[in-house]
N, C-alpha and C. Protein backbone atom coordinates (compact mmCIF):
# COMPACT_ATOMS: atom_id res chain seq x y z
N UNK A 1 -49.05 -51.76 -22.99
CA UNK A 1 -47.61 -51.95 -22.91
C UNK A 1 -46.91 -51.29 -24.10
N UNK A 2 -47.55 -51.32 -25.25
CA UNK A 2 -46.96 -50.74 -26.45
C UNK A 2 -46.72 -49.24 -26.28
N UNK A 3 -47.65 -48.52 -25.67
CA UNK A 3 -47.49 -47.08 -25.51
C UNK A 3 -46.40 -46.75 -24.49
N UNK A 4 -46.16 -47.64 -23.53
CA UNK A 4 -45.09 -47.39 -22.56
C UNK A 4 -43.73 -47.51 -23.23
N UNK A 5 -43.59 -48.44 -24.15
CA UNK A 5 -42.32 -48.73 -24.80
C UNK A 5 -41.99 -47.73 -25.90
N UNK A 6 -42.98 -47.13 -26.51
CA UNK A 6 -42.77 -46.25 -27.66
C UNK A 6 -41.85 -45.06 -27.36
N UNK A 7 -42.04 -44.32 -26.27
CA UNK A 7 -41.11 -43.21 -25.99
C UNK A 7 -39.66 -43.68 -25.83
N UNK A 8 -39.47 -44.84 -25.22
CA UNK A 8 -38.14 -45.39 -25.08
C UNK A 8 -37.53 -45.69 -26.45
N UNK A 9 -38.33 -46.21 -27.36
CA UNK A 9 -37.88 -46.49 -28.72
C UNK A 9 -37.47 -45.20 -29.42
N UNK A 10 -38.28 -44.16 -29.28
CA UNK A 10 -37.94 -42.87 -29.89
C UNK A 10 -36.64 -42.33 -29.31
N UNK A 11 -36.47 -42.46 -28.01
CA UNK A 11 -35.25 -41.98 -27.36
C UNK A 11 -34.02 -42.73 -27.88
N UNK A 12 -34.14 -44.02 -28.00
CA UNK A 12 -33.02 -44.82 -28.53
C UNK A 12 -32.72 -44.45 -29.98
N UNK A 13 -33.75 -44.16 -30.76
CA UNK A 13 -33.55 -43.70 -32.14
C UNK A 13 -32.77 -42.38 -32.15
N UNK A 14 -33.10 -41.50 -31.22
CA UNK A 14 -32.39 -40.22 -31.13
C UNK A 14 -30.92 -40.41 -30.77
N UNK A 15 -30.65 -41.31 -29.85
CA UNK A 15 -29.26 -41.59 -29.47
C UNK A 15 -28.50 -42.17 -30.67
N UNK A 16 -29.11 -43.13 -31.35
CA UNK A 16 -28.47 -43.72 -32.54
C UNK A 16 -28.21 -42.67 -33.61
N UNK A 17 -29.19 -41.81 -33.84
CA UNK A 17 -29.02 -40.78 -34.88
C UNK A 17 -27.90 -39.83 -34.51
N UNK A 18 -27.83 -39.41 -33.25
CA UNK A 18 -26.76 -38.52 -32.81
C UNK A 18 -25.40 -39.19 -32.97
N UNK A 19 -25.32 -40.47 -32.60
CA UNK A 19 -24.04 -41.18 -32.72
C UNK A 19 -23.64 -41.34 -34.20
N UNK A 20 -24.61 -41.55 -35.05
CA UNK A 20 -24.34 -41.79 -36.46
C UNK A 20 -23.96 -40.51 -37.20
N UNK A 21 -24.62 -39.40 -36.87
CA UNK A 21 -24.51 -38.19 -37.68
C UNK A 21 -23.65 -37.08 -37.08
N UNK A 22 -23.35 -37.14 -35.81
CA UNK A 22 -22.65 -36.03 -35.16
C UNK A 22 -21.22 -36.42 -34.78
N UNK A 23 -20.26 -35.78 -35.41
CA UNK A 23 -18.85 -36.07 -35.16
C UNK A 23 -18.47 -35.85 -33.70
N UNK A 24 -18.92 -34.75 -33.11
CA UNK A 24 -18.55 -34.46 -31.72
C UNK A 24 -19.16 -35.46 -30.75
N UNK A 25 -20.31 -35.99 -31.09
CA UNK A 25 -20.92 -37.02 -30.25
C UNK A 25 -20.03 -38.26 -30.24
N UNK A 26 -19.50 -38.61 -31.40
CA UNK A 26 -18.59 -39.75 -31.49
C UNK A 26 -17.33 -39.50 -30.66
N UNK A 27 -16.82 -38.27 -30.73
CA UNK A 27 -15.61 -37.93 -29.97
C UNK A 27 -15.89 -38.03 -28.47
N UNK A 28 -16.98 -37.42 -28.01
CA UNK A 28 -17.31 -37.46 -26.58
C UNK A 28 -17.55 -38.90 -26.12
N UNK A 29 -18.23 -39.69 -26.94
CA UNK A 29 -18.51 -41.08 -26.59
C UNK A 29 -17.21 -41.89 -26.47
N UNK A 30 -16.31 -41.70 -27.43
CA UNK A 30 -15.03 -42.43 -27.42
C UNK A 30 -14.20 -42.05 -26.20
N UNK A 31 -14.12 -40.76 -25.91
CA UNK A 31 -13.38 -40.31 -24.73
C UNK A 31 -14.03 -40.86 -23.47
N UNK A 32 -15.35 -40.89 -23.44
CA UNK A 32 -16.06 -41.46 -22.30
C UNK A 32 -15.72 -42.92 -22.08
N UNK A 33 -15.63 -43.69 -23.16
CA UNK A 33 -15.25 -45.10 -23.05
C UNK A 33 -13.82 -45.24 -22.51
N UNK A 34 -12.93 -44.38 -22.97
CA UNK A 34 -11.55 -44.41 -22.48
C UNK A 34 -11.51 -44.10 -20.99
N UNK A 35 -12.25 -43.07 -20.58
CA UNK A 35 -12.30 -42.71 -19.16
C UNK A 35 -12.86 -43.86 -18.34
N UNK A 36 -13.91 -44.51 -18.83
CA UNK A 36 -14.47 -45.66 -18.10
C UNK A 36 -13.48 -46.81 -18.00
N UNK A 37 -12.72 -47.04 -19.07
CA UNK A 37 -11.72 -48.11 -19.04
C UNK A 37 -10.65 -47.81 -17.99
N UNK A 38 -10.18 -46.57 -17.95
CA UNK A 38 -9.18 -46.17 -16.95
C UNK A 38 -9.78 -46.27 -15.55
N UNK A 39 -11.04 -45.88 -15.42
CA UNK A 39 -11.71 -45.95 -14.11
C UNK A 39 -11.83 -47.38 -13.61
N UNK A 40 -12.02 -48.32 -14.53
CA UNK A 40 -12.10 -49.73 -14.13
C UNK A 40 -10.72 -50.29 -13.80
N UNK A 41 -9.70 -49.77 -14.44
CA UNK A 41 -8.33 -50.24 -14.22
C UNK A 41 -7.78 -49.74 -12.88
N UNK A 42 -8.02 -48.47 -12.58
CA UNK A 42 -7.50 -47.89 -11.34
C UNK A 42 -8.37 -48.29 -10.15
N UNK A 43 -7.78 -48.31 -8.97
CA UNK A 43 -8.56 -48.69 -7.77
C UNK A 43 -9.38 -47.52 -7.22
N UNK A 44 -10.29 -47.02 -8.02
CA UNK A 44 -11.12 -45.88 -7.61
C UNK A 44 -12.18 -46.33 -6.62
N UNK A 45 -12.69 -45.37 -5.86
CA UNK A 45 -13.82 -45.66 -4.98
C UNK A 45 -15.09 -45.71 -5.82
N UNK A 46 -16.15 -46.27 -5.26
CA UNK A 46 -17.42 -46.32 -5.98
C UNK A 46 -17.94 -44.91 -6.23
N UNK A 47 -17.66 -43.97 -5.31
CA UNK A 47 -18.11 -42.58 -5.48
C UNK A 47 -17.36 -41.92 -6.64
N UNK A 48 -16.07 -42.15 -6.75
CA UNK A 48 -15.31 -41.58 -7.86
C UNK A 48 -15.80 -42.13 -9.19
N UNK A 49 -16.07 -43.42 -9.23
CA UNK A 49 -16.61 -44.01 -10.47
C UNK A 49 -17.99 -43.44 -10.80
N UNK A 50 -18.80 -43.25 -9.78
CA UNK A 50 -20.14 -42.69 -9.99
C UNK A 50 -20.04 -41.26 -10.53
N UNK A 51 -19.12 -40.48 -9.99
CA UNK A 51 -18.93 -39.09 -10.46
C UNK A 51 -18.49 -39.10 -11.92
N UNK A 52 -17.59 -39.99 -12.28
CA UNK A 52 -17.14 -40.07 -13.67
C UNK A 52 -18.28 -40.49 -14.60
N UNK A 53 -19.07 -41.47 -14.19
CA UNK A 53 -20.23 -41.90 -15.01
C UNK A 53 -21.23 -40.76 -15.18
N UNK A 54 -21.50 -40.05 -14.11
CA UNK A 54 -22.42 -38.91 -14.18
C UNK A 54 -21.87 -37.83 -15.11
N UNK A 55 -20.59 -37.56 -15.00
CA UNK A 55 -19.96 -36.54 -15.85
C UNK A 55 -20.05 -36.93 -17.32
N UNK A 56 -19.75 -38.18 -17.62
CA UNK A 56 -19.83 -38.66 -19.01
C UNK A 56 -21.26 -38.53 -19.53
N UNK A 57 -22.22 -38.95 -18.72
CA UNK A 57 -23.62 -38.86 -19.13
C UNK A 57 -24.08 -37.44 -19.37
N UNK A 58 -23.63 -36.52 -18.54
CA UNK A 58 -24.03 -35.12 -18.69
C UNK A 58 -23.41 -34.52 -19.96
N UNK A 59 -22.15 -34.85 -20.23
CA UNK A 59 -21.51 -34.32 -21.45
C UNK A 59 -22.21 -34.87 -22.69
N UNK A 60 -22.50 -36.16 -22.72
CA UNK A 60 -23.20 -36.74 -23.87
C UNK A 60 -24.59 -36.12 -24.04
N UNK A 61 -25.29 -35.92 -22.93
CA UNK A 61 -26.61 -35.29 -22.99
C UNK A 61 -26.52 -33.86 -23.49
N UNK A 62 -25.53 -33.13 -23.02
CA UNK A 62 -25.35 -31.74 -23.46
C UNK A 62 -25.08 -31.68 -24.96
N UNK A 63 -24.28 -32.60 -25.46
CA UNK A 63 -24.00 -32.63 -26.89
C UNK A 63 -25.28 -32.91 -27.69
N UNK A 64 -26.13 -33.78 -27.15
CA UNK A 64 -27.39 -34.07 -27.84
C UNK A 64 -28.34 -32.87 -27.77
N UNK A 65 -28.39 -32.17 -26.63
CA UNK A 65 -29.20 -30.95 -26.55
C UNK A 65 -28.70 -29.92 -27.56
N UNK A 66 -27.39 -29.78 -27.65
CA UNK A 66 -26.81 -28.83 -28.59
C UNK A 66 -27.20 -29.18 -30.02
N UNK A 67 -27.12 -30.46 -30.36
CA UNK A 67 -27.50 -30.91 -31.70
C UNK A 67 -28.97 -30.61 -31.98
N UNK A 68 -29.83 -30.93 -31.02
CA UNK A 68 -31.27 -30.66 -31.20
C UNK A 68 -31.52 -29.16 -31.36
N UNK A 69 -30.81 -28.36 -30.57
CA UNK A 69 -30.97 -26.91 -30.64
C UNK A 69 -30.52 -26.39 -32.00
N UNK A 70 -29.37 -26.85 -32.48
CA UNK A 70 -28.87 -26.40 -33.78
C UNK A 70 -29.82 -26.80 -34.91
N UNK A 71 -30.37 -27.98 -34.84
CA UNK A 71 -31.29 -28.42 -35.88
C UNK A 71 -32.60 -27.63 -35.83
N UNK A 72 -33.03 -27.26 -34.64
CA UNK A 72 -34.23 -26.44 -34.51
C UNK A 72 -34.00 -25.06 -35.13
N UNK A 73 -32.83 -24.48 -34.87
CA UNK A 73 -32.50 -23.18 -35.47
C UNK A 73 -32.48 -23.31 -36.99
N UNK A 74 -31.89 -24.39 -37.49
CA UNK A 74 -31.85 -24.61 -38.95
C UNK A 74 -33.26 -24.77 -39.53
N UNK A 75 -34.15 -25.36 -38.76
CA UNK A 75 -35.52 -25.56 -39.22
C UNK A 75 -36.27 -24.22 -39.31
N UNK A 76 -35.98 -23.34 -38.37
CA UNK A 76 -36.70 -22.06 -38.30
C UNK A 76 -36.25 -21.11 -39.39
N UNK A 77 -34.95 -21.10 -39.69
CA UNK A 77 -34.46 -20.17 -40.71
C UNK A 77 -33.39 -20.83 -41.56
N UNK A 78 -33.54 -20.70 -42.86
CA UNK A 78 -32.53 -21.21 -43.78
C UNK A 78 -31.52 -20.14 -44.13
N UNK A 79 -31.86 -18.89 -43.88
CA UNK A 79 -30.96 -17.78 -44.17
C UNK A 79 -30.03 -17.54 -42.99
N UNK A 80 -28.83 -17.02 -43.31
CA UNK A 80 -27.91 -16.67 -42.25
C UNK A 80 -28.47 -15.49 -41.48
N UNK A 81 -28.44 -15.58 -40.17
CA UNK A 81 -28.90 -14.48 -39.32
C UNK A 81 -27.97 -14.41 -38.12
N UNK A 82 -27.58 -13.19 -37.72
CA UNK A 82 -26.63 -13.08 -36.60
C UNK A 82 -27.17 -13.68 -35.29
N UNK A 83 -28.48 -13.59 -35.06
CA UNK A 83 -29.04 -14.18 -33.84
C UNK A 83 -29.03 -15.70 -33.89
N UNK A 84 -29.26 -16.26 -35.08
CA UNK A 84 -29.19 -17.72 -35.22
C UNK A 84 -27.76 -18.19 -34.98
N UNK A 85 -26.80 -17.47 -35.53
CA UNK A 85 -25.39 -17.82 -35.32
C UNK A 85 -25.03 -17.71 -33.85
N UNK A 86 -25.47 -16.64 -33.21
CA UNK A 86 -25.17 -16.46 -31.79
C UNK A 86 -25.77 -17.58 -30.95
N UNK A 87 -27.00 -17.94 -31.25
CA UNK A 87 -27.66 -19.01 -30.50
C UNK A 87 -26.90 -20.33 -30.64
N UNK A 88 -26.49 -20.65 -31.87
CA UNK A 88 -25.74 -21.88 -32.10
C UNK A 88 -24.37 -21.83 -31.41
N UNK A 89 -23.70 -20.70 -31.50
CA UNK A 89 -22.38 -20.55 -30.88
C UNK A 89 -22.47 -20.65 -29.36
N UNK A 90 -23.48 -20.06 -28.79
CA UNK A 90 -23.65 -20.10 -27.33
C UNK A 90 -23.93 -21.53 -26.87
N UNK A 91 -24.80 -22.24 -27.58
CA UNK A 91 -25.10 -23.62 -27.22
C UNK A 91 -23.84 -24.49 -27.35
N UNK A 92 -23.08 -24.27 -28.39
CA UNK A 92 -21.84 -25.01 -28.58
C UNK A 92 -20.82 -24.65 -27.48
N UNK A 93 -20.79 -23.39 -27.11
CA UNK A 93 -19.91 -22.95 -26.03
C UNK A 93 -20.27 -23.59 -24.71
N UNK A 94 -21.55 -23.80 -24.48
CA UNK A 94 -21.98 -24.46 -23.24
C UNK A 94 -21.45 -25.89 -23.18
N UNK A 95 -21.46 -26.57 -24.31
CA UNK A 95 -20.92 -27.94 -24.35
C UNK A 95 -19.41 -27.91 -24.10
N UNK A 96 -18.73 -26.92 -24.67
CA UNK A 96 -17.28 -26.80 -24.44
C UNK A 96 -16.97 -26.56 -22.97
N UNK A 97 -17.73 -25.67 -22.32
CA UNK A 97 -17.52 -25.42 -20.90
C UNK A 97 -17.71 -26.71 -20.11
N UNK A 98 -18.75 -27.44 -20.42
CA UNK A 98 -19.01 -28.69 -19.72
C UNK A 98 -17.93 -29.73 -20.00
N UNK A 99 -17.47 -29.83 -21.24
CA UNK A 99 -16.41 -30.78 -21.58
C UNK A 99 -15.12 -30.44 -20.84
N UNK A 100 -14.77 -29.16 -20.79
CA UNK A 100 -13.56 -28.75 -20.06
C UNK A 100 -13.70 -29.00 -18.56
N UNK A 101 -14.89 -28.77 -18.04
CA UNK A 101 -15.15 -29.06 -16.63
C UNK A 101 -15.00 -30.55 -16.36
N UNK A 102 -15.46 -31.38 -17.29
CA UNK A 102 -15.35 -32.83 -17.11
C UNK A 102 -13.88 -33.26 -17.14
N UNK A 103 -13.07 -32.60 -17.95
CA UNK A 103 -11.64 -32.90 -17.96
C UNK A 103 -11.03 -32.56 -16.60
N UNK A 104 -11.42 -31.42 -16.05
CA UNK A 104 -10.91 -31.02 -14.73
C UNK A 104 -11.34 -32.04 -13.66
N UNK A 105 -12.57 -32.49 -13.72
CA UNK A 105 -13.06 -33.50 -12.76
C UNK A 105 -12.26 -34.79 -12.91
N UNK A 106 -12.06 -35.24 -14.14
CA UNK A 106 -11.30 -36.47 -14.38
C UNK A 106 -9.87 -36.33 -13.85
N UNK A 107 -9.25 -35.17 -14.09
CA UNK A 107 -7.90 -34.97 -13.58
C UNK A 107 -7.86 -34.98 -12.06
N UNK A 108 -8.85 -34.36 -11.42
CA UNK A 108 -8.91 -34.37 -9.95
C UNK A 108 -9.03 -35.80 -9.41
N UNK A 109 -9.72 -36.64 -10.13
CA UNK A 109 -9.90 -38.02 -9.68
C UNK A 109 -8.70 -38.89 -10.03
N UNK A 110 -8.19 -38.78 -11.26
CA UNK A 110 -7.15 -39.69 -11.74
C UNK A 110 -5.74 -39.35 -11.25
N UNK A 111 -5.39 -38.08 -11.19
CA UNK A 111 -4.02 -37.69 -10.89
C UNK A 111 -3.51 -38.27 -9.57
N UNK A 112 -4.25 -38.22 -8.48
CA UNK A 112 -3.72 -38.81 -7.24
C UNK A 112 -3.35 -40.30 -7.39
N UNK A 113 -4.10 -41.04 -8.20
CA UNK A 113 -3.81 -42.46 -8.40
C UNK A 113 -2.62 -42.65 -9.34
N UNK A 114 -2.45 -41.75 -10.28
CA UNK A 114 -1.39 -41.89 -11.28
C UNK A 114 -0.02 -41.44 -10.78
N UNK A 115 0.02 -40.56 -9.78
CA UNK A 115 1.30 -40.07 -9.27
C UNK A 115 1.85 -40.94 -8.15
N UNK A 116 1.09 -41.91 -7.71
CA UNK A 116 1.57 -42.79 -6.63
C UNK A 116 2.63 -43.74 -7.10
């Protein structure tokens, strides 16, 4: 039983570390909580709520992947290198694309309820 629980413990440690050390993770998490609060307030369908939960989870996961990727690049090279910068910028850009897409999804879901 101990070996089954250990990976879960490591995963939770990773989530805690990302929340503690990464500013953008805190921002995404806070916005996610606000979106969930609005989703509970509005009379959304279960499918709309599920889409919002999935979107929030994917954005948080992407931010954690980006953090892990940036730390791996930092581990490999301490010197500035244009390829290391490009890799970090591209990973960060991927999170931005996903965050903007999630805003579009939230607007598609919320606006019809808010304009009524």
